[in-house]
Amino acid sequence: MVYDVHIFVCTNQRENSPRKSCGETHGLELVAEFKKQLKELKVGLKTRANKSGCMDICDFGLTVVIYPEGIFYVNVKIDDVKEIVQSHIINKKTVERLLLKK
């Protein structure tokens, strides 16, 4: 199936490593919250939210990537999900405060 919006949430888990990993900060909870918000807000697009492996930018906090734009959001918390869905997915406006700064 081809999706209008595809959301990848890092759920990588590093055990016994000094480096951070997104799985330690509730990546799976974010996947579930994206699915919940997409359903509740009746987005009207073919969407998919799923877990992903490491995106190698763990030092920035939990990472979410939204395609087809390829927008990286970092340090995403559960409370940010509704804002991302409403702003980015529904209204096509990025959430500037969560953007990965290049």
Protein backbone atom coordinates (compact mmCIF):
# COMPACT_ATOMS: atom_id res chain seq x y z
CA MET A 1 0.00 0.00 0.00
CA VAL A 2 1.13 3.53 -0.73
CA TYR A 3 0.65 6.00 2.13
CA ASP A 4 0.08 9.73 1.96
CA VAL A 5 1.94 10.08 5.26
CA HIS A 6 4.36 7.60 6.78
CA ILE A 7 5.64 8.22 10.31
CA PHE A 8 8.71 6.44 11.65
CA VAL A 9 9.43 6.52 15.38
CA CYS A 10 12.82 5.31 16.58
CA THR A 11 12.46 2.49 19.07
CA ASN A 12 16.09 1.37 19.09
CA GLN A 13 17.21 -0.05 22.42
CA ARG A 14 20.90 -0.09 23.40
CA GLU A 15 21.64 -2.14 26.45
CA ASN A 16 24.78 -1.56 28.48
CA SER A 17 25.89 1.38 26.36
CA PRO A 18 26.90 4.87 27.45
CA ARG A 19 25.03 6.31 24.44
CA LYS A 20 21.37 7.27 24.72
CA SER A 21 18.79 5.36 22.73
CA CYS A 22 15.25 6.29 21.80
CA GLY A 23 13.76 3.02 23.00
CA GLU A 24 14.71 3.99 26.52
CA THR A 25 12.48 7.06 26.25
CA HIS A 26 9.28 5.30 25.32
CA GLY A 27 9.44 5.02 21.53
CA LEU A 28 6.72 2.36 21.46
CA GLU A 29 4.41 4.62 23.48
CA LEU A 30 4.89 7.32 20.84
CA VAL A 31 3.99 4.90 18.03
CA ALA A 32 0.77 4.01 19.86
CA GLU A 33 -0.03 7.69 20.50
CA PHE A 34 0.48 8.58 16.82
CA LYS A 35 -1.91 5.79 15.82
CA LYS A 36 -4.44 6.97 18.40
CA GLN A 37 -4.26 10.63 17.33
CA LEU A 38 -4.43 9.80 13.61
CA LYS A 39 -7.61 7.83 14.27
CA GLU A 40 -9.20 10.33 16.69
CA LEU A 41 -8.48 13.38 14.54
CA LYS A 42 -9.86 11.68 11.41
CA VAL A 43 -6.99 12.88 9.27
CA GLY A 44 -8.58 11.72 6.01
CA LEU A 45 -5.31 10.49 4.53
CA LYS A 46 -3.76 7.06 4.14
CA THR A 47 -1.37 7.09 7.07
CA ARG A 48 0.91 4.69 8.85
CA ALA A 49 2.87 5.10 12.07
CA ASN A 50 5.42 2.46 12.89
CA LYS A 51 8.60 1.80 14.79
CA SER A 52 12.00 2.08 13.18
CA GLY A 53 15.54 1.20 14.00
CA CYS A 54 18.26 3.64 14.95
CA MET A 55 18.52 6.85 12.92
CA ASP A 56 21.90 7.58 14.52
CA ILE A 57 20.96 10.94 16.04
CA CYS A 58 20.06 9.67 19.53
CA ASP A 59 21.86 12.53 21.27
CA PHE A 60 19.01 14.83 20.19
CA GLY A 61 16.35 12.79 22.00
CA LEU A 62 13.57 10.61 20.70
CA THR A 63 13.41 10.96 16.91
CA VAL A 64 10.40 10.92 14.59
CA VAL A 65 10.64 11.18 10.79
CA ILE A 66 7.65 12.00 8.62
CA TYR A 67 7.57 11.12 4.93
CA PRO A 68 7.13 12.00 2.13
CA GLU A 69 8.73 15.28 3.32
CA GLY A 70 11.57 13.62 5.23
CA ILE A 71 11.10 15.97 8.18
CA PHE A 72 13.02 14.98 11.33
CA TYR A 73 11.55 15.91 14.70
CA VAL A 74 13.72 15.41 17.76
CA ASN A 75 13.24 15.22 21.50
CA VAL A 76 9.61 14.34 20.87
CA LYS A 77 7.45 13.71 23.92
CA ILE A 78 4.04 12.07 24.14
CA ASP A 79 2.44 15.51 24.61
CA ASP A 80 3.90 16.66 21.26
CA VAL A 81 2.15 14.01 19.16
CA LYS A 82 -1.23 15.74 18.86
CA GLU A 83 0.49 18.99 17.86
CA ILE A 84 2.54 17.20 15.20
CA VAL A 85 -0.55 15.51 13.77
CA GLN A 86 -2.63 18.71 13.76
CA SER A 87 0.09 21.06 12.56
CA HIS A 88 2.25 18.96 10.26
CA ILE A 89 -0.08 16.30 8.92
CA ILE A 90 -3.41 18.11 8.81
CA ASN A 91 -2.32 21.74 8.27
CA LYS A 92 0.98 21.07 6.42
CA LYS A 93 2.94 23.34 8.78
CA THR A 94 6.10 22.05 10.47
CA VAL A 95 6.46 22.22 14.24
CA GLU A 96 9.53 24.46 14.29
CA ARG A 97 10.46 23.94 17.95
CA LEU A 98 10.91 20.17 17.38
CA LEU A 99 12.80 20.32 14.08
CA LEU A 100 16.26 18.81 13.85
CA LYS A 101 18.60 21.74 13.37
CA LYS A 102 21.12 20.98 10.63
